[in-house]
Amino acid sequence: MTLNDIILLGKKILIGIIVTMIPFLILFGGLWFTQKLLQQPSDPEPKTVSHSSP
């Protein structure tokens, strides 16, 4: 094997890893984004209702 063969093999392995990771990133990114959208915002101060007397 020559140096060019080893470099080509390394590039193919790297591209294979990247192509494999893309669907996982899309899946987990979508799940994270969905969780953020569906999370109810926490309200630190309780709201008070004022009643006016007639």
Protein backbone atom coordinates (compact mmCIF):
# COMPACT_ATOMS: atom_id res chain seq x y z
CA MET A 1 0.00 0.00 0.00
CA THR A 2 1.26 3.41 -0.88
CA LEU A 3 0.78 6.62 1.04
CA ASN A 4 -1.95 7.70 -1.39
CA ASP A 5 -3.87 4.49 -0.72
CA ILE A 6 -3.75 5.08 3.04
CA ILE A 7 -4.86 8.71 2.64
CA LEU A 8 -7.74 7.63 0.38
CA LEU A 9 -8.79 4.95 2.87
CA GLY A 10 -8.69 7.49 5.72
CA LYS A 11 -10.85 9.90 3.72
CA LYS A 12 -13.39 7.18 2.96
CA ILE A 13 -13.58 6.18 6.61
CA LEU A 14 -14.03 9.81 7.67
CA ILE A 15 -16.79 10.38 5.11
CA GLY A 16 -18.49 7.16 6.24
CA ILE A 17 -18.48 8.34 9.86
CA ILE A 18 -19.88 11.75 8.89
CA VAL A 19 -22.61 10.22 6.70
CA THR A 20 -23.55 7.88 9.55
CA MET A 21 -23.74 10.70 12.11
CA ILE A 22 -26.00 13.01 10.05
CA PRO A 23 -29.26 11.04 10.60
CA PHE A 24 -28.54 10.78 14.33
CA LEU A 25 -27.92 14.52 14.56
CA ILE A 26 -31.16 15.24 12.70
CA LEU A 27 -33.12 12.82 14.92
CA PHE A 28 -31.77 14.00 18.26
CA GLY A 29 -31.81 17.65 17.19
CA GLY A 30 -35.47 17.30 16.21
CA LEU A 31 -36.32 15.60 19.49
CA TRP A 32 -34.53 18.32 21.46
CA PHE A 33 -36.25 21.07 19.49
CA THR A 34 -39.66 19.43 19.95
CA GLN A 35 -39.07 19.14 23.69
CA LYS A 36 -38.15 22.83 23.85
CA LEU A 37 -41.29 23.79 21.92
CA LEU A 38 -43.61 21.69 24.08
CA GLN A 39 -42.09 22.64 27.42
CA GLN A 40 -44.33 24.94 29.38
CA PRO A 41 -42.53 28.05 30.58
CA SER A 42 -42.12 28.15 34.33
CA ASP A 43 -43.81 31.11 35.95
CA PRO A 44 -41.68 32.34 38.87
CA GLU A 45 -44.29 34.75 40.23
CA PRO A 46 -47.83 33.55 40.96
CA LYS A 47 -50.42 35.74 39.32
CA THR A 48 -52.94 37.42 41.56
CA VAL A 49 -56.50 38.09 40.57
CA SER A 50 -57.92 41.34 41.84
CA HIS A 51 -61.67 41.59 42.34
CA SER A 52 -63.34 44.93 42.28
CA SER A 53 -66.12 45.43 44.79
CA PRO A 54 -69.48 46.61 43.31
